[in-house]
């Protein structure tokens, strides 16, 4: 799931904003995922987006760091998914 997110970020050229956002939100990731579970996840599910899966993913503290590494790895090796 992290690789899919990293692919989307790189595909749309949002590496820098994504890294800044993730770095800023890293301390709050667990709390934000809990908020997402209660508010946003049910709405995302209506539109076919796996809201519960993404929220559960970010309840693990190291997931944000892993996602940042995946994005950086793709940029470093020029893996543009376009």
C-alpha atoms as a PDB file:
ATOM      1  CA  UNK A   1       0.000   0.000   0.000  1.00  0.00           C
ATOM      2  CA  UNK A   2       2.893   2.371   0.755  1.00  0.00           C
ATOM      3  CA  UNK A   3       4.427   1.649  -2.632  1.00  0.00           C
ATOM      4  CA  UNK A   4       1.143   2.533  -4.324  1.00  0.00           C
ATOM      5  CA  UNK A   5       0.993   5.845  -2.462  1.00  0.00           C
ATOM      6  CA  UNK A   6       4.608   6.589  -3.352  1.00  0.00           C
ATOM      7  CA  UNK A   7       3.876   5.804  -7.012  1.00  0.00           C
ATOM      8  CA  UNK A   8       0.962   8.245  -7.055  1.00  0.00           C
ATOM      9  CA  UNK A   9       3.017  10.999  -5.422  1.00  0.00           C
ATOM     10  CA  UNK A  10       5.854  10.577  -7.927  1.00  0.00           C
ATOM     11  CA  UNK A  11       3.466  10.228 -10.874  1.00  0.00           C
ATOM     12  CA  UNK A  12       1.994  13.666 -10.195  1.00  0.00           C
ATOM     13  CA  UNK A  13       5.333  15.272  -9.321  1.00  0.00           C
ATOM     14  CA  UNK A  14       4.385  15.993  -5.717  1.00  0.00           C
ATOM     15  CA  UNK A  15       7.519  14.606  -4.108  1.00  0.00           C
ATOM     16  CA  UNK A  16       8.680  17.791  -2.404  1.00  0.00           C
ATOM     17  CA  UNK A  17       5.302  18.899  -1.011  1.00  0.00           C
ATOM     18  CA  UNK A  18       4.556  15.338   0.117  1.00  0.00           C
ATOM     19  CA  UNK A  19       7.877  15.019   1.949  1.00  0.00           C
ATOM     20  CA  UNK A  20       7.392  18.401   3.657  1.00  0.00           C
ATOM     21  CA  UNK A  21       3.833  17.508   4.635  1.00  0.00           C
ATOM     22  CA  UNK A  22       4.784  14.059   5.933  1.00  0.00           C
ATOM     23  CA  UNK A  23       7.769  15.404   7.860  1.00  0.00           C
ATOM     24  CA  UNK A  24       5.582  18.057   9.477  1.00  0.00           C
ATOM     25  CA  UNK A  25       2.782  15.661  10.326  1.00  0.00           C
ATOM     26  CA  UNK A  26       4.971  12.755  11.480  1.00  0.00           C
ATOM     27  CA  UNK A  27       4.500  13.438  15.224  1.00  0.00           C
ATOM     28  CA  UNK A  28       0.721  13.585  14.763  1.00  0.00           C
ATOM     29  CA  UNK A  29       0.293  10.655  12.372  1.00  0.00           C
ATOM     30  CA  UNK A  30      -1.179   8.272  14.936  1.00  0.00           C
ATOM     31  CA  UNK A  31      -3.679  10.854  16.162  1.00  0.00           C
ATOM     32  CA  UNK A  32      -4.603  11.944  12.646  1.00  0.00           C
ATOM     33  CA  UNK A  33      -5.224   8.340  11.599  1.00  0.00           C
ATOM     34  CA  UNK A  34      -7.597   7.904  14.540  1.00  0.00           C
ATOM     35  CA  UNK A  35      -9.431  11.054  13.489  1.00  0.00           C
ATOM     36  CA  UNK A  36      -9.575   9.773   9.928  1.00  0.00           C
ATOM     37  CA  UNK A  37     -11.023   6.470  11.109  1.00  0.00           C
ATOM     38  CA  UNK A  38     -13.917   8.170  12.803  1.00  0.00           C
ATOM     39  CA  UNK A  39     -14.665  10.966  10.331  1.00  0.00           C
ATOM     40  CA  UNK A  40     -13.218  10.531   6.849  1.00  0.00           C
ATOM     41  CA  UNK A  41     -12.860   6.783   6.348  1.00  0.00           C
ATOM     42  CA  UNK A  42     -16.588   6.045   5.973  1.00  0.00           C
ATOM     43  CA  UNK A  43     -16.946   8.832   3.409  1.00  0.00           C
ATOM     44  CA  UNK A  44     -13.889   7.670   1.464  1.00  0.00           C
ATOM     45  CA  UNK A  45     -15.294   4.139   1.366  1.00  0.00           C
ATOM     46  CA  UNK A  46     -18.399   5.460  -0.428  1.00  0.00           C
ATOM     47  CA  UNK A  47     -16.160   6.678  -3.256  1.00  0.00           C
ATOM     48  CA  UNK A  48     -14.282   3.395  -3.479  1.00  0.00           C
ATOM     49  CA  UNK A  49     -11.164   4.621  -1.661  1.00  0.00           C
ATOM     50  CA  UNK A  50      -9.886   2.257   1.031  1.00  0.00           C
ATOM     51  CA  UNK A  51     -10.178   4.830   3.824  1.00  0.00           C
ATOM     52  CA  UNK A  52     -10.075   2.308   6.635  1.00  0.00           C
ATOM     53  CA  UNK A  53      -6.998   0.620   5.170  1.00  0.00           C
ATOM     54  CA  UNK A  54      -5.093   3.891   4.837  1.00  0.00           C
ATOM     55  CA  UNK A  55      -6.078   5.053   8.312  1.00  0.00           C
ATOM     56  CA  UNK A  56      -5.029   1.724   9.810  1.00  0.00           C
ATOM     57  CA  UNK A  57      -1.748   1.906   7.927  1.00  0.00           C
ATOM     58  CA  UNK A  58      -0.814   5.217   9.514  1.00  0.00           C
ATOM     59  CA  UNK A  59      -1.628   4.028  13.015  1.00  0.00           C
ATOM     60  CA  UNK A  60       1.792   2.398  12.944  1.00  0.00           C
ATOM     61  CA  UNK A  61       4.380   4.971  13.938  1.00  0.00           C
ATOM     62  CA  UNK A  62       6.972   3.950  11.371  1.00  0.00           C
ATOM     63  CA  UNK A  63       4.627   4.073   8.359  1.00  0.00           C
ATOM     64  CA  UNK A  64       5.205   7.782   7.698  1.00  0.00           C
ATOM     65  CA  UNK A  65       8.965   7.261   7.664  1.00  0.00           C
ATOM     66  CA  UNK A  66       8.606   4.248   5.364  1.00  0.00           C
ATOM     67  CA  UNK A  67       6.433   6.242   2.960  1.00  0.00           C
ATOM     68  CA  UNK A  68       8.968   9.064   2.867  1.00  0.00           C
ATOM     69  CA  UNK A  69      11.736   6.550   2.138  1.00  0.00           C
ATOM     70  CA  UNK A  70       9.671   4.987  -0.673  1.00  0.00           C
ATOM     71  CA  UNK A  71       9.129   8.400  -2.282  1.00  0.00           C
ATOM     72  CA  UNK A  72      12.791   9.358  -1.926  1.00  0.00           C
ATOM     73  CA  UNK A  73      13.868   5.996  -3.360  1.00  0.00           C
ATOM     74  CA  UNK A  74      11.712   6.487  -6.451  1.00  0.00           C
ATOM     75  CA  UNK A  75      13.021   9.999  -7.001  1.00  0.00           C
ATOM     76  CA  UNK A  76      16.620   8.907  -6.428  1.00  0.00           C
ATOM     77  CA  UNK A  77      16.404   6.094  -8.958  1.00  0.00           C
ATOM     78  CA  UNK A  78      14.254   8.053 -11.389  1.00  0.00           C
ATOM     79  CA  UNK A  79      11.338   5.661 -11.193  1.00  0.00           C
ATOM     80  CA  UNK A  80       8.768   7.942 -12.748  1.00  0.00           C
ATOM     81  CA  UNK A  81       5.510   6.043 -12.929  1.00  0.00           C
ATOM     82  CA  UNK A  82       3.889   8.243 -15.582  1.00  0.00           C
END
